């Protein structure tokens, strides 16, 4: 079901400033805001824990190491 909501001009301006591209809808912006406040699912929590463990174990590469490995001279 589609519905219309009433918002102030001030809120409309704030939402418009949050657009990442011209044709992004206000609904997309609102969903992005809601997503930012939602609880992480168990898979994401597990992946974050694994990443933290890898960092703690020293399984990381510096940007310079990656550039060297890829042959990027920037």
PDB file of N, CA and C in Angstrom:
ATOM      1  N   UNK A   1       0.836  -1.174   0.000  1.00  0.00           N
ATOM      2  CA  UNK A   1       0.000   0.000   0.000  1.00  0.00           C
ATOM      3  C   UNK A   1       0.887   1.245   0.000  1.00  0.00           C
ATOM      4  N   UNK A   2       0.625   2.143  -0.863  1.00  0.00           N
ATOM      5  CA  UNK A   2       1.361   3.397  -0.932  1.00  0.00           C
ATOM      6  C   UNK A   2       0.565   4.454  -0.189  1.00  0.00           C
ATOM      7  N   UNK A   3       1.275   5.300   0.542  1.00  0.00           N
ATOM      8  CA  UNK A   3       0.603   6.353   1.292  1.00  0.00           C
ATOM      9  C   UNK A   3       1.402   7.643   1.149  1.00  0.00           C
ATOM     10  N   UNK A   4       0.792   8.721   1.495  1.00  0.00           N
ATOM     11  CA  UNK A   4       1.447  10.023   1.471  1.00  0.00           C
ATOM     12  C   UNK A   4       1.624  10.495   2.898  1.00  0.00           C
ATOM     13  N   UNK A   5       2.770  11.101   3.189  1.00  0.00           N
ATOM     14  CA  UNK A   5       2.981  11.673   4.516  1.00  0.00           C
ATOM     15  C   UNK A   5       3.249  13.157   4.371  1.00  0.00           C
ATOM     16  N   UNK A   6       2.960  13.884   5.412  1.00  0.00           N
ATOM     17  CA  UNK A   6       3.183  15.322   5.396  1.00  0.00           C
ATOM     18  C   UNK A   6       4.418  15.620   6.234  1.00  0.00           C
ATOM     19  N   UNK A   7       5.352  16.369   5.654  1.00  0.00           N
ATOM     20  CA  UNK A   7       6.561  16.766   6.373  1.00  0.00           C
ATOM     21  C   UNK A   7       6.758  18.262   6.197  1.00  0.00           C
ATOM     22  N   UNK A   8       7.516  18.841   7.100  1.00  0.00           N
ATOM     23  CA  UNK A   8       7.765  20.282   7.019  1.00  0.00           C
ATOM     24  C   UNK A   8       8.758  20.576   5.893  1.00  0.00           C
ATOM     25  N   UNK A   9       8.789  21.813   5.471  1.00  0.00           N
ATOM     26  CA  UNK A   9       9.747  22.234   4.452  1.00  0.00           C
ATOM     27  C   UNK A   9      11.171  22.064   4.964  1.00  0.00           C
ATOM     28  N   UNK A  10      11.357  22.295   6.267  1.00  0.00           N
ATOM     29  CA  UNK A  10      12.685  22.135   6.856  1.00  0.00           C
ATOM     30  C   UNK A  10      13.158  20.680   6.727  1.00  0.00           C
ATOM     31  N   UNK A  11      12.293  19.719   7.066  1.00  0.00           N
ATOM     32  CA  UNK A  11      12.653  18.311   6.952  1.00  0.00           C
ATOM     33  C   UNK A  11      12.871  17.927   5.494  1.00  0.00           C
ATOM     34  N   UNK A  12      12.055  18.441   4.612  1.00  0.00           N
ATOM     35  CA  UNK A  12      12.227  18.144   3.196  1.00  0.00           C
ATOM     36  C   UNK A  12      13.597  18.638   2.721  1.00  0.00           C
ATOM     37  N   UNK A  13      14.001  19.796   3.194  1.00  0.00           N
ATOM     38  CA  UNK A  13      15.317  20.321   2.833  1.00  0.00           C
ATOM     39  C   UNK A  13      16.441  19.448   3.355  1.00  0.00           C
ATOM     40  N   UNK A  14      16.285  18.977   4.587  1.00  0.00           N
ATOM     41  CA  UNK A  14      17.306  18.101   5.169  1.00  0.00           C
ATOM     42  C   UNK A  14      17.392  16.795   4.379  1.00  0.00           C
ATOM     43  N   UNK A  15      16.239  16.209   4.064  1.00  0.00           N
ATOM     44  CA  UNK A  15      16.232  14.972   3.276  1.00  0.00           C
ATOM     45  C   UNK A  15      16.837  15.198   1.887  1.00  0.00           C
ATOM     46  N   UNK A  16      16.518  16.324   1.281  1.00  0.00           N
ATOM     47  CA  UNK A  16      17.058  16.633  -0.045  1.00  0.00           C
ATOM     48  C   UNK A  16      18.576  16.737   0.002  1.00  0.00           C
ATOM     49  N   UNK A  17      19.112  17.295   1.088  1.00  0.00           N
ATOM     50  CA  UNK A  17      20.568  17.413   1.227  1.00  0.00           C
ATOM     51  C   UNK A  17      21.248  16.073   1.433  1.00  0.00           C
ATOM     52  N   UNK A  18      20.502  15.061   1.852  1.00  0.00           N
ATOM     53  CA  UNK A  18      21.064  13.729   2.081  1.00  0.00           C
ATOM     54  C   UNK A  18      21.091  12.885   0.809  1.00  0.00           C
ATOM     55  N   UNK A  19      20.507  13.370  -0.262  1.00  0.00           N
ATOM     56  CA  UNK A  19      20.481  12.599  -1.500  1.00  0.00           C
ATOM     57  C   UNK A  19      21.899  12.373  -2.003  1.00  0.00           C
ATOM     58  N   UNK A  20      22.174  11.121  -2.369  1.00  0.00           N
ATOM     59  CA  UNK A  20      23.487  10.786  -2.911  1.00  0.00           C
ATOM     60  C   UNK A  20      23.505  10.944  -4.428  1.00  0.00           C
ATOM     61  N   UNK A  21      22.345  10.922  -5.031  1.00  0.00           N
ATOM     62  CA  UNK A  21      22.217  11.160  -6.471  1.00  0.00           C
ATOM     63  C   UNK A  21      20.862  11.810  -6.728  1.00  0.00           C
ATOM     64  N   UNK A  22      20.755  12.489  -7.847  1.00  0.00           N
ATOM     65  CA  UNK A  22      19.605  13.350  -8.111  1.00  0.00           C
ATOM     66  C   UNK A  22      18.259  12.627  -8.060  1.00  0.00           C
ATOM     67  N   UNK A  23      18.186  11.411  -8.576  1.00  0.00           N
ATOM     68  CA  UNK A  23      16.906  10.710  -8.656  1.00  0.00           C
ATOM     69  C   UNK A  23      16.617   9.828  -7.448  1.00  0.00           C
ATOM     70  N   UNK A  24      17.427   9.928  -6.399  1.00  0.00           N
ATOM     71  CA  UNK A  24      17.164   9.158  -5.188  1.00  0.00           C
ATOM     72  C   UNK A  24      15.865   9.644  -4.564  1.00  0.00           C
ATOM     73  N   UNK A  25      15.011   8.710  -4.183  1.00  0.00           N
ATOM     74  CA  UNK A  25      13.714   9.091  -3.611  1.00  0.00           C
ATOM     75  C   UNK A  25      13.843   9.335  -2.115  1.00  0.00           C
ATOM     76  N   UNK A  26      12.882  10.058  -1.578  1.00  0.00           N
ATOM     77  CA  UNK A  26      12.863  10.275  -0.135  1.00  0.00           C
ATOM     78  C   UNK A  26      12.675   8.943   0.595  1.00  0.00           C
ATOM     79  N   UNK A  27      11.936   8.019   0.001  1.00  0.00           N
ATOM     80  CA  UNK A  27      11.773   6.708   0.625  1.00  0.00           C
ATOM     81  C   UNK A  27      13.121   6.008   0.768  1.00  0.00           C
ATOM     82  N   UNK A  28      13.939   6.066  -0.264  1.00  0.00           N
ATOM     83  CA  UNK A  28      15.267   5.449  -0.184  1.00  0.00           C
ATOM     84  C   UNK A  28      16.106   6.091   0.920  1.00  0.00           C
ATOM     85  N   UNK A  29      16.023   7.390   1.038  1.00  0.00           N
ATOM     86  CA  UNK A  29      16.766   8.098   2.080  1.00  0.00           C
ATOM     87  C   UNK A  29      16.281   7.667   3.464  1.00  0.00           C
ATOM     88  N   UNK A  30      14.975   7.584   3.632  1.00  0.00           N
ATOM     89  CA  UNK A  30      14.404   7.185   4.920  1.00  0.00           C
ATOM     90  C   UNK A  30      14.804   5.750   5.262  1.00  0.00           C
ATOM     91  N   UNK A  31      14.759   4.842   4.277  1.00  0.00           N
ATOM     92  CA  UNK A  31      15.178   3.462   4.530  1.00  0.00           C
ATOM     93  C   UNK A  31      16.652   3.414   4.960  1.00  0.00           C
ATOM     94  N   UNK A  32      17.491   4.206   4.322  1.00  0.00           N
ATOM     95  CA  UNK A  32      18.909   4.251   4.707  1.00  0.00           C
ATOM     96  C   UNK A  32      19.058   4.711   6.151  1.00  0.00           C
ATOM     97  N   UNK A  33      18.283   5.712   6.553  1.00  0.00           N
ATOM     98  CA  UNK A  33      18.335   6.200   7.924  1.00  0.00           C
ATOM     99  C   UNK A  33      17.856   5.134   8.910  1.00  0.00           C
ATOM    100  N   UNK A  34      16.806   4.427   8.556  1.00  0.00           N
ATOM    101  CA  UNK A  34      16.289   3.361   9.418  1.00  0.00           C
ATOM    102  C   UNK A  34      17.313   2.241   9.538  1.00  0.00           C
ATOM    103  N   UNK A  35      17.913   1.885   8.424  1.00  0.00           N
ATOM    104  CA  UNK A  35      18.905   0.809   8.423  1.00  0.00           C
ATOM    105  C   UNK A  35      20.067   1.126   9.364  1.00  0.00           C
ATOM    106  N   UNK A  36      20.449   2.399   9.420  1.00  0.00           N
ATOM    107  CA  UNK A  36      21.547   2.810  10.286  1.00  0.00           C
ATOM    108  C   UNK A  36      21.250   2.578  11.764  1.00  0.00           C
ATOM    109  N   UNK A  37      19.986   2.483  12.128  1.00  0.00           N
ATOM    110  CA  UNK A  37      19.633   2.320  13.539  1.00  0.00           C
ATOM    111  C   UNK A  37      19.186   0.899  13.872  1.00  0.00           C
ATOM    112  N   UNK A  38      19.155   0.023  12.885  1.00  0.00           N
ATOM    113  CA  UNK A  38      18.692  -1.343  13.112  1.00  0.00           C
ATOM    114  C   UNK A  38      19.791  -2.192  13.744  1.00  0.00           C
ATOM    115  N   UNK A  39      19.385  -3.204  14.443  1.00  0.00           N
ATOM    116  CA  UNK A  39      20.302  -4.151  15.066  1.00  0.00           C
ATOM    117  C   UNK A  39      21.003  -4.967  13.974  1.00  0.00           C
ATOM    118  N   UNK A  40      22.287  -5.222  14.175  1.00  0.00           N
ATOM    119  CA  UNK A  40      23.024  -6.046  13.227  1.00  0.00           C
ATOM    120  C   UNK A  40      22.548  -7.490  13.337  1.00  0.00           C
ATOM    121  N   UNK A  41      22.502  -8.197  12.202  1.00  0.00           N
ATOM    122  CA  UNK A  41      22.099  -9.599  12.267  1.00  0.00           C
ATOM    123  C   UNK A  41      23.271 -10.444  12.774  1.00  0.00           C
ATOM    124  N   UNK A  42      22.994 -11.675  13.134  1.00  0.00           N
ATOM    125  CA  UNK A  42      24.005 -12.542  13.754  1.00  0.00           C
ATOM    126  C   UNK A  42      25.188 -12.808  12.822  1.00  0.00           C
ATOM    127  N   UNK A  43      24.933 -12.953  11.529  1.00  0.00           N
ATOM    128  CA  UNK A  43      26.021 -13.190  10.575  1.00  0.00           C
ATOM    129  C   UNK A  43      26.983 -12.006  10.547  1.00  0.00           C
ATOM    130  N   UNK A  44      26.436 -10.809  10.522  1.00  0.00           N
ATOM    131  CA  UNK A  44      27.279  -9.609  10.504  1.00  0.00           C
ATOM    132  C   UNK A  44      28.066  -9.494  11.795  1.00  0.00           C
ATOM    133  N   UNK A  45      27.429  -9.768  12.924  1.00  0.00           N
ATOM    134  CA  UNK A  45      28.141  -9.732  14.199  1.00  0.00           C
ATOM    135  C   UNK A  45      29.296 -10.726  14.208  1.00  0.00           C
ATOM    136  N   UNK A  46      29.072 -11.925  13.672  1.00  0.00           N
ATOM    137  CA  UNK A  46      30.114 -12.950  13.609  1.00  0.00           C
ATOM    138  C   UNK A  46      31.263 -12.500  12.706  1.00  0.00           C
ATOM    139  N   UNK A  47      30.929 -11.916  11.551  1.00  0.00           N
ATOM    140  CA  UNK A  47      31.959 -11.443  10.630  1.00  0.00           C
ATOM    141  C   UNK A  47      32.800 -10.327  11.254  1.00  0.00           C
ATOM    142  N   UNK A  48      32.166  -9.450  12.000  1.00  0.00           N
ATOM    143  CA  UNK A  48      32.901  -8.374  12.677  1.00  0.00           C
ATOM    144  C   UNK A  48      33.840  -8.971  13.724  1.00  0.00           C
ATOM    145  N   UNK A  49      33.353  -9.945  14.484  1.00  0.00           N
ATOM    146  CA  UNK A  49      34.190 -10.594  15.501  1.00  0.00           C
ATOM    147  C   UNK A  49      35.384 -11.289  14.853  1.00  0.00           C
ATOM    148  N   UNK A  50      35.155 -11.953  13.717  1.00  0.00           N
ATOM    149  CA  UNK A  50      36.250 -12.619  13.007  1.00  0.00           C
ATOM    150  C   UNK A  50      37.276 -11.603  12.510  1.00  0.00           C
ATOM    151  N   UNK A  51      36.804 -10.488  11.978  1.00  0.00           N
ATOM    152  CA  UNK A  51      37.708  -9.456  11.480  1.00  0.00           C
ATOM    153  C   UNK A  51      38.537  -8.870  12.617  1.00  0.00           C
ATOM    154  N   UNK A  52      37.899  -8.636  13.754  1.00  0.00           N
ATOM    155  CA  UNK A  52      38.637  -8.113  14.910  1.00  0.00           C
ATOM    156  C   UNK A  52      39.699  -9.097  15.374  1.00  0.00           C
ATOM    157  N   UNK A  53      39.365 -10.387  15.361  1.00  0.00           N
ATOM    158  CA  UNK A  53      40.335 -11.413  15.759  1.00  0.00           C
ATOM    159  C   UNK A  53      41.515 -11.444  14.794  1.00  0.00           C
ATOM    160  N   UNK A  54      41.244 -11.314  13.495  1.00  0.00           N
ATOM    161  CA  UNK A  54      42.320 -11.286  12.501  1.00  0.00           C
ATOM    162  C   UNK A  54      43.224 -10.084  12.704  1.00  0.00           C
ATOM    163  N   UNK A  55      42.638  -8.942  13.001  1.00  0.00           N
ATOM    164  CA  UNK A  55      43.428  -7.731  13.247  1.00  0.00           C
ATOM    165  C   UNK A  55      44.294  -7.929  14.487  1.00  0.00           C
ATOM    166  N   UNK A  56      43.695  -8.464  15.544  1.00  0.00           N
ATOM    167  CA  UNK A  56      44.428  -8.696  16.789  1.00  0.00           C
ATOM    168  C   UNK A  56      45.577  -9.685  16.575  1.00  0.00           C
ATOM    169  N   UNK A  57      45.366 -10.666  15.688  1.00  0.00           N
ATOM    170  CA  UNK A  57      46.391 -11.672  15.391  1.00  0.00           C
ATOM    171  C   UNK A  57      47.443 -11.149  14.422  1.00  0.00           C
ATOM    172  N   UNK A  58      47.276  -9.921  13.962  1.00  0.00           N
ATOM    173  CA  UNK A  58      48.256  -9.328  13.055  1.00  0.00           C
ATOM    174  C   UNK A  58      48.081  -9.712  11.599  1.00  0.00           C
ATOM    175  N   UNK A  59      46.945 -10.286  11.259  1.00  0.00           N
ATOM    176  CA  UNK A  59      46.688 -10.686   9.873  1.00  0.00           C
ATOM    177  C   UNK A  59      46.162  -9.492   9.080  1.00  0.00           C
ATOM    178  N   UNK A  60      47.002  -8.482   8.965  1.00  0.00           N
ATOM    179  CA  UNK A  60      46.621  -7.257   8.256  1.00  0.00           C
ATOM    180  C   UNK A  60      47.736  -6.874   7.292  1.00  0.00           C
ATOM    181  N   UNK A  61      47.409  -6.037   6.338  1.00  0.00           N
ATOM    182  CA  UNK A  61      48.372  -5.517   5.377  1.00  0.00           C
ATOM    183  C   UNK A  61      48.238  -4.007   5.338  1.00  0.00           C
ATOM    184  N   UNK A  62      49.354  -3.332   5.318  1.00  0.00           N
ATOM    185  CA  UNK A  62      49.302  -1.880   5.209  1.00  0.00           C
ATOM    186  C   UNK A  62      48.960  -1.500   3.771  1.00  0.00           C
ATOM    187  N   UNK A  63      48.533  -0.275   3.594  1.00  0.00           N
ATOM    188  CA  UNK A  63      48.236   0.222   2.256  1.00  0.00           C
ATOM    189  C   UNK A  63      49.484   0.147   1.383  1.00  0.00           C
ATOM    190  N   UNK A  64      50.626   0.479   1.949  1.00  0.00           N
ATOM    191  CA  UNK A  64      51.880   0.420   1.197  1.00  0.00           C
ATOM    192  C   UNK A  64      52.184  -0.998   0.738  1.00  0.00           C
ATOM    193  N   UNK A  65      51.939  -2.000   1.599  1.00  0.00           N
ATOM    194  CA  UNK A  65      52.166  -3.396   1.217  1.00  0.00           C
ATOM    195  C   UNK A  65      51.256  -3.812   0.060  1.00  0.00           C
ATOM    196  N   UNK A  66      50.014  -3.413   0.130  1.00  0.00           N
ATOM    197  CA  UNK A  66      49.056  -3.765  -0.929  1.00  0.00           C
ATOM    198  C   UNK A  66      49.446  -3.095  -2.237  1.00  0.00           C
ATOM    199  N   UNK A  67      49.831  -1.814  -2.167  1.00  0.00           N
ATOM    200  CA  UNK A  67      50.271  -1.108  -3.385  1.00  0.00           C
ATOM    201  C   UNK A  67      51.462  -1.809  -4.010  1.00  0.00           C
ATOM    202  N   UNK A  68      52.415  -2.217  -3.179  1.00  0.00           N
ATOM    203  CA  UNK A  68      53.626  -2.885  -3.679  1.00  0.00           C
ATOM    204  C   UNK A  68      53.254  -4.215  -4.330  1.00  0.00           C
ATOM    205  N   UNK A  69      52.382  -4.984  -3.672  1.00  0.00           N
ATOM    206  CA  UNK A  69      51.962  -6.269  -4.191  1.00  0.00           C
ATOM    207  C   UNK A  69      51.234  -6.133  -5.530  1.00  0.00           C
ATOM    208  N   UNK A  70      50.439  -5.067  -5.653  1.00  0.00           N
ATOM    209  CA  UNK A  70      49.682  -4.846  -6.888  1.00  0.00           C
ATOM    210  C   UNK A  70      50.475  -4.078  -7.935  1.00  0.00           C
ATOM    211  N   UNK A  71      51.655  -3.609  -7.555  1.00  0.00           N
ATOM    212  CA  UNK A  71      52.471  -2.841  -8.494  1.00  0.00           C
ATOM    213  C   UNK A  71      51.921  -1.460  -8.767  1.00  0.00           C
ATOM    214  N   UNK A  72      51.318  -0.866  -7.766  1.00  0.00           N
ATOM    215  CA  UNK A  72      50.722   0.468  -7.917  1.00  0.00           C
ATOM    216  C   UNK A  72      51.687   1.492  -7.332  1.00  0.00           C
ATOM    217  N   UNK A  73      52.094   2.428  -8.148  1.00  0.00           N
ATOM    218  CA  UNK A  73      52.958   3.516  -7.687  1.00  0.00           C
ATOM    219  C   UNK A  73      52.171   4.810  -7.734  1.00  0.00           C
ATOM    220  N   UNK A  74      51.562   5.161  -6.645  1.00  0.00           N
ATOM    221  CA  UNK A  74      50.758   6.379  -6.610  1.00  0.00           C
ATOM    222  C   UNK A  74      51.425   7.394  -5.717  1.00  0.00           C
TER     223      UNK A  74
END
